[in-house]
Amino acid sequence: EWDASTPLWKHAMAGSCAGVMEHIGMYPLDTVKTHMQALRPGGALTLSSVVQSIVEESGGRGFMRGASSIVIGCVPAHIALFTSYEYVKGRILNENDAHEPARAALCGASATLCHDIILTPMDVVKQRMQLGRYKHVGDCLRSVLRREGAWGLYRSMPTTLAMNVPYGSILVASNESMKQFLGVRKMRQDTRNLLPWYFLSAGLSGAVASAATQPLDVVKTRLQTQDCLVRPKRPDGTSMREPVTYAGDSTNLCAPKYSGFLSAVRTIVREEGWLALYTGTMPRMLHAVPSAAMCWGTYEVVKNFLQDY
């Protein structure tokens, strides 16, 4: 059952801290990943060329563009993530520390579902702002709602869930298995020495989960950003800075390239090949390892700290 000895507000506080730590700490690398995966006429980009273009266009601030949007979304989303995780964990996992990766995966899937339902709209805003097409969160939201309707904020939801639910399942199952392998469960009485192992276990689990779900992440990014990188061209072939035109505009009709998950997969494979589904693998792996470590490690640290209050 739900562990009444740990009040809900402690899980919520620990989850909030974990969410902010994860997203802000890893935001620059996430910006690079978004640029590499987004639909761009003219072909793929390299890691170094993306970093150089961001610096040239906006300086160091360009790596944090749109960070306010994800802070707004990540706090309630991570409260939902960890409170639902603890609730389901208390319901289905045994208390005898038995190794149950399948049930742990179910805990991760349930928690991720609650998290993504809240975060997806702000994740759309975040990625579009990362690409430098809007002045602030309100500007982006108004533009999306006016040109694409509310569906524009949820178009990637099926793909997001198709990616993140397996990701969350694999992450939590791997994390529980890793803690079992490292003997973390046997060190529960020595809390101070235990905490670094939480970071290590979560980081390694993040690597496994990100590698398994990389193609889905590419499709999700394409669906979320496809309408903000297709722009009118100048006579010399360079891209203009005017606002993007969308279906319904009388001046320059431009329907979304991908209508959904299957459409995106088919189009990417046909036009760019299977390897395009693994674009941005390196920055995503570099992002996933410390991201998972910071998120789940911070959660355990703050939760243990709050036990005394």
Protein backbone atom coordinates (compact mmCIF):
# COMPACT_ATOMS: atom_id res chain seq x y z
CA GLU A 1 0.00 0.00 0.00
CA TRP A 2 0.92 3.68 -0.17
CA ASP A 3 3.62 4.41 2.39
CA ALA A 4 1.81 6.76 4.78
CA SER A 5 5.04 7.34 6.71
CA THR A 6 6.21 9.58 3.86
CA PRO A 7 3.64 12.37 3.32
CA LEU A 8 2.59 13.32 -0.19
CA TRP A 9 4.16 16.77 0.08
CA LYS A 10 7.61 15.24 0.57
CA HIS A 11 7.32 13.22 -2.64
CA ALA A 12 6.03 16.35 -4.39
CA MET A 13 8.88 18.52 -3.08
CA ALA A 14 11.52 15.95 -4.00
CA GLY A 15 9.97 15.50 -7.44
CA SER A 16 9.90 19.26 -8.08
CA CYS A 17 13.57 19.62 -7.19
CA ALA A 18 14.44 16.62 -9.37
CA GLY A 19 12.56 18.05 -12.36
CA VAL A 20 14.15 21.49 -12.20
CA MET A 21 17.62 20.04 -11.63
CA GLU A 22 17.28 17.65 -14.57
CA HIS A 23 15.83 20.02 -17.16
CA ILE A 24 17.86 23.12 -16.36
CA GLY A 25 21.11 21.23 -15.84
CA MET A 26 20.83 19.45 -19.18
CA TYR A 27 19.12 22.21 -21.17
CA PRO A 28 22.10 23.31 -23.34
CA LEU A 29 22.65 19.78 -24.61
CA ASP A 30 18.92 19.35 -25.15
CA THR A 31 18.96 22.47 -27.33
CA VAL A 32 21.72 20.96 -29.47
CA LYS A 33 19.78 17.70 -29.79
CA THR A 34 16.64 19.54 -30.88
CA HIS A 35 18.54 21.43 -33.60
CA MET A 36 20.07 18.20 -34.91
CA GLN A 37 16.78 16.31 -35.05
CA ALA A 38 14.46 19.03 -36.35
CA LEU A 39 13.25 19.03 -39.96
CA ARG A 40 15.62 21.19 -41.98
CA PRO A 41 15.61 21.57 -45.76
CA GLY A 42 19.16 20.91 -46.91
CA GLY A 43 20.17 17.80 -45.00
CA ALA A 44 21.58 16.66 -41.68
CA LEU A 45 23.79 18.66 -39.35
CA THR A 46 26.82 17.70 -37.32
CA LEU A 47 27.24 18.29 -33.61
CA SER A 48 30.01 20.86 -34.11
CA SER A 49 28.11 22.76 -36.83
CA VAL A 50 25.02 23.02 -34.63
CA VAL A 51 27.01 24.36 -31.68
CA GLN A 52 28.75 26.85 -33.95
CA SER A 53 25.50 28.06 -35.53
CA ILE A 54 23.85 28.59 -32.13
CA VAL A 55 26.82 30.59 -30.84
CA GLU A 56 26.99 32.69 -34.00
CA GLU A 57 23.28 33.46 -33.97
CA SER A 58 22.59 34.08 -30.27
CA GLY A 59 25.81 33.64 -28.31
CA GLY A 60 25.85 31.55 -25.15
CA ARG A 61 22.27 32.57 -24.35
CA GLY A 62 21.08 30.60 -27.35
CA PHE A 63 21.67 27.33 -25.50
CA MET A 64 19.15 28.36 -22.81
CA ARG A 65 16.52 29.79 -25.13
CA GLY A 66 13.07 28.63 -24.05
CA ALA A 67 14.19 27.37 -20.63
CA SER A 68 11.38 29.26 -18.88
CA SER A 69 8.77 27.17 -20.71
CA ILE A 70 10.13 23.87 -19.47
CA VAL A 71 10.42 25.13 -15.89
CA ILE A 72 6.72 26.03 -15.99
CA GLY A 73 5.85 22.54 -17.17
CA CYS A 74 8.40 20.35 -15.41
CA VAL A 75 7.40 21.18 -11.82
CA PRO A 76 3.81 19.84 -11.98
CA ALA A 77 4.89 17.09 -14.39
CA HIS A 78 7.55 15.75 -12.04
CA ILE A 79 5.25 15.99 -9.06
CA ALA A 80 2.89 13.73 -11.00
CA LEU A 81 5.79 11.48 -12.07
CA PHE A 82 7.14 10.69 -8.64
CA THR A 83 3.92 10.67 -6.64
CA SER A 84 2.32 8.25 -9.12
CA TYR A 85 5.53 6.19 -9.18
CA GLU A 86 5.56 5.85 -5.41
CA TYR A 87 1.85 5.08 -5.31
CA VAL A 88 2.00 2.31 -7.93
CA LYS A 89 5.24 1.01 -6.43
CA GLY A 90 3.55 0.68 -3.05
CA ARG A 91 0.65 -1.15 -4.68
CA ILE A 92 2.38 -3.77 -6.80
CA LEU A 93 5.97 -4.25 -5.57
CA ASN A 94 6.67 -6.64 -2.72
CA GLU A 95 8.29 -5.36 0.45
CA ASN A 96 10.86 -8.18 0.66
CA ASP A 97 13.23 -6.51 -1.85
CA ALA A 98 12.65 -9.24 -4.43
CA HIS A 99 13.94 -8.53 -7.93
CA GLU A 100 10.80 -7.77 -9.98
CA PRO A 101 11.85 -5.91 -13.16
CA ALA A 102 8.50 -6.47 -14.94
CA ARG A 103 6.53 -4.89 -12.11
CA ALA A 104 9.11 -2.12 -11.81
CA ALA A 105 8.63 -1.45 -15.54
CA LEU A 106 4.90 -1.10 -14.95
CA CYS A 107 5.61 1.47 -12.22
CA GLY A 108 7.79 3.40 -14.66
CA ALA A 109 5.18 3.25 -17.43
CA SER A 110 2.40 4.52 -15.15
CA ALA A 111 4.52 7.37 -13.82
CA THR A 112 5.69 8.39 -17.30
CA LEU A 113 2.11 8.48 -18.60
CA CYS A 114 1.10 10.93 -15.85
CA HIS A 115 4.22 13.02 -16.51
CA ASP A 116 3.83 13.32 -20.28
CA ILE A 117 0.15 14.22 -20.28
CA ILE A 118 1.12 17.36 -18.35
CA LEU A 119 4.47 18.19 -19.97
CA THR A 120 3.88 17.61 -23.71
CA PRO A 121 2.29 21.01 -24.55
CA MET A 122 5.14 22.91 -22.87
CA ASP A 123 7.67 20.59 -24.50
CA VAL A 124 6.32 21.68 -27.88
CA VAL A 125 6.76 25.32 -26.86
CA LYS A 126 10.24 24.59 -25.53
CA GLN A 127 11.49 22.96 -28.73
CA ARG A 128 10.12 25.70 -30.94
CA MET A 129 11.72 28.36 -28.78
CA GLN A 130 15.00 26.44 -28.82
CA LEU A 131 15.00 26.90 -32.60
CA GLY A 132 14.81 30.67 -32.13
CA ARG A 133 11.49 31.35 -33.84
CA TYR A 134 9.63 33.11 -31.01
CA LYS A 135 10.34 35.93 -28.58
CA HIS A 136 8.83 34.38 -25.45
CA VAL A 137 6.47 31.66 -24.18
CA GLY A 138 3.32 33.71 -24.71
CA ASP A 139 4.33 34.60 -28.28
CA CYS A 140 4.87 30.93 -29.10
CA LEU A 141 1.61 29.77 -27.52
CA ARG A 142 -0.44 32.43 -29.30
CA SER A 143 1.17 31.62 -32.64
CA VAL A 144 0.61 27.87 -32.32
CA LEU A 145 -3.01 28.26 -31.20
CA ARG A 146 -3.79 30.80 -33.92
CA ARG A 147 -2.18 28.94 -36.81
CA GLU A 148 -2.54 25.28 -35.81
CA GLY A 149 -5.15 25.22 -33.08
CA ALA A 150 -4.86 23.34 -29.80
CA TRP A 151 -4.00 20.19 -31.77
CA GLY A 152 -0.64 21.77 -32.56
CA LEU A 153 0.32 21.36 -28.90
CA TYR A 154 -0.73 17.71 -28.82
CA ARG A 155 0.10 16.46 -32.34
CA SER A 156 3.13 14.59 -31.03
CA MET A 157 1.32 13.12 -28.01
CA PRO A 158 0.87 9.60 -29.47
CA THR A 159 4.55 9.47 -30.48
CA THR A 160 5.64 11.03 -27.19
CA LEU A 161 3.79 8.36 -25.23
CA ALA A 162 4.97 5.65 -27.62
CA MET A 163 8.54 6.72 -26.88
CA ASN A 164 8.47 7.84 -23.27
CA VAL A 165 6.32 5.07 -21.80
CA PRO A 166 8.80 2.40 -23.02
CA TYR A 167 11.64 4.72 -22.00
CA GLY A 168 10.22 5.11 -18.50
CA SER A 169 9.58 1.38 -18.26
CA ILE A 170 13.10 0.46 -19.33
CA LEU A 171 14.63 3.17 -17.14
CA VAL A 172 12.87 2.10 -13.95
CA ALA A 173 13.30 -1.63 -14.61
CA SER A 174 17.00 -1.11 -15.37
CA ASN A 175 17.39 1.13 -12.35
CA GLU A 176 15.86 -1.43 -10.01
CA SER A 177 17.98 -4.18 -11.56
CA MET A 178 21.11 -2.04 -11.34
CA LYS A 179 20.48 -1.28 -7.67
CA GLN A 180 20.05 -4.99 -7.07
CA PHE A 181 23.31 -5.74 -8.91
CA LEU A 182 25.26 -3.01 -7.09
CA GLY A 183 23.93 -4.10 -3.73
CA VAL A 184 22.23 -0.78 -3.05
CA ARG A 185 19.28 -2.46 -1.36
CA LYS A 186 21.61 -3.95 1.25
CA MET A 187 23.06 -0.55 2.16
CA ARG A 188 19.82 1.16 3.15
CA GLN A 189 20.93 1.73 6.73
CA ASP A 190 23.97 3.73 5.59
CA THR A 191 22.10 6.57 3.88
CA ARG A 192 25.06 8.94 3.40
CA ASN A 193 27.19 6.40 1.53
CA LEU A 194 24.17 5.13 -0.36
CA LEU A 195 23.25 8.31 -2.21
CA PRO A 196 26.10 8.31 -4.82
CA TRP A 197 25.03 4.83 -5.88
CA TYR A 198 21.57 6.16 -6.71
CA PHE A 199 23.16 8.60 -9.17
CA LEU A 200 25.33 5.89 -10.75
CA SER A 201 22.48 3.40 -11.07
CA ALA A 202 20.10 5.93 -12.61
CA GLY A 203 22.73 7.23 -15.04
CA LEU A 204 23.55 3.78 -16.42
CA SER A 205 19.84 3.02 -16.71
CA GLY A 206 19.33 6.24 -18.67
CA ALA A 207 21.90 5.10 -21.23
CA VAL A 208 20.09 1.81 -21.78
CA ALA A 209 16.66 3.43 -22.07
CA SER A 210 17.77 6.21 -24.44
CA ALA A 211 19.50 3.81 -26.84
CA ALA A 212 16.38 1.66 -27.02
CA THR A 213 14.02 4.55 -27.85
CA GLN A 214 16.16 6.84 -30.06
CA PRO A 215 14.16 6.46 -33.33
CA LEU A 216 10.95 7.43 -31.55
CA ASP A 217 12.62 10.55 -30.17
CA VAL A 218 13.58 11.65 -33.68
CA VAL A 219 9.99 11.20 -34.91
CA LYS A 220 8.65 13.11 -31.90
CA THR A 221 10.97 16.06 -32.53
CA ARG A 222 10.07 16.18 -36.22
CA LEU A 223 6.35 16.24 -35.40
CA GLN A 224 6.78 18.98 -32.78
CA THR A 225 8.99 21.29 -34.84
CA GLN A 226 8.04 20.67 -38.47
CA ASP A 227 6.03 23.88 -38.83
CA CYS A 228 8.71 26.29 -37.65
CA LEU A 229 11.72 25.52 -39.86
CA VAL A 230 10.19 25.53 -43.35
CA ARG A 231 10.54 29.15 -44.43
CA PRO A 232 10.33 31.20 -47.62
CA LYS A 233 13.66 31.54 -49.45
CA ARG A 234 15.43 34.62 -50.73
CA PRO A 235 16.65 34.67 -54.34
CA ASP A 236 20.15 33.73 -53.16
CA GLY A 237 18.78 30.59 -51.48
CA THR A 238 19.14 31.71 -47.86
CA SER A 239 16.25 31.34 -45.43
CA MET A 240 14.18 34.41 -44.58
CA ARG A 241 13.42 35.37 -40.97
CA GLU A 242 9.74 36.15 -41.51
CA PRO A 243 7.19 34.14 -39.54
CA VAL A 244 6.45 30.72 -40.96
CA THR A 245 3.35 30.32 -43.10
CA TYR A 246 0.91 27.54 -42.41
CA ALA A 247 -1.98 25.79 -44.07
CA GLY A 248 -4.79 28.32 -44.32
CA ASP A 249 -2.57 31.33 -45.04
CA SER A 250 -3.54 32.91 -48.35
CA THR A 251 -0.01 34.16 -49.06
CA ASN A 252 1.91 30.88 -49.01
CA LEU A 253 0.11 27.64 -48.34
CA CYS A 254 2.30 25.13 -46.55
CA ALA A 255 0.72 21.99 -45.10
CA PRO A 256 2.54 20.03 -42.38
CA LYS A 257 5.04 17.60 -43.87
CA TYR A 258 4.12 14.81 -41.44
CA SER A 259 0.51 14.11 -40.49
CA GLY A 260 1.35 11.66 -37.71
CA PHE A 261 3.66 8.95 -36.45
CA LEU A 262 3.46 6.48 -39.37
CA SER A 263 3.57 9.28 -41.93
CA ALA A 264 6.71 10.67 -40.32
CA VAL A 265 8.47 7.29 -40.19
CA ARG A 266 7.66 6.47 -43.81
CA THR A 267 8.70 9.89 -45.07
CA ILE A 268 11.96 9.99 -43.10
CA VAL A 269 12.99 6.50 -44.22
CA ARG A 270 12.03 7.15 -47.87
CA GLU A 271 13.75 10.54 -48.13
CA GLU A 272 16.68 10.18 -45.74
CA GLY A 273 17.17 6.47 -45.04
CA TRP A 274 16.96 4.41 -41.86
CA LEU A 275 20.01 6.06 -40.32
CA ALA A 276 18.09 9.34 -40.12
CA LEU A 277 16.06 7.78 -37.30
CA TYR A 278 19.27 7.74 -35.25
CA THR A 279 20.16 11.37 -35.85
CA GLY A 280 21.25 13.01 -32.61
CA THR A 281 22.04 9.73 -30.87
CA MET A 282 25.28 11.02 -29.36
CA PRO A 283 23.87 14.22 -27.83
CA ARG A 284 20.82 12.29 -26.62
CA MET A 285 23.02 9.68 -24.93
CA LEU A 286 25.17 12.43 -23.44
CA HIS A 287 21.94 14.04 -22.28
CA ALA A 288 20.19 10.90 -21.00
CA VAL A 289 22.94 9.60 -18.69
CA PRO A 290 23.42 12.71 -16.52
CA SER A 291 19.75 13.63 -16.94
CA ALA A 292 18.51 10.36 -15.43
CA ALA A 293 21.21 10.54 -12.76
CA MET A 294 20.29 14.11 -11.81
CA CYS A 295 16.54 13.44 -11.85
CA TRP A 296 16.36 10.17 -9.90
CA GLY A 297 19.46 10.88 -7.83
CA THR A 298 18.18 14.30 -6.78
CA TYR A 299 14.81 12.78 -5.95
CA GLU A 300 16.40 10.22 -3.62
CA VAL A 301 18.67 12.84 -2.02
CA VAL A 302 15.86 15.32 -1.33
CA LYS A 303 13.48 12.58 -0.19
CA ASN A 304 16.07 11.24 2.28
CA PHE A 305 16.81 14.77 3.46
CA LEU A 306 13.10 15.41 4.11
CA GLN A 307 12.76 12.25 6.20
CA ASP A 308 14.04 14.26 9.18
CA TYR A 309 11.22 16.83 8.87
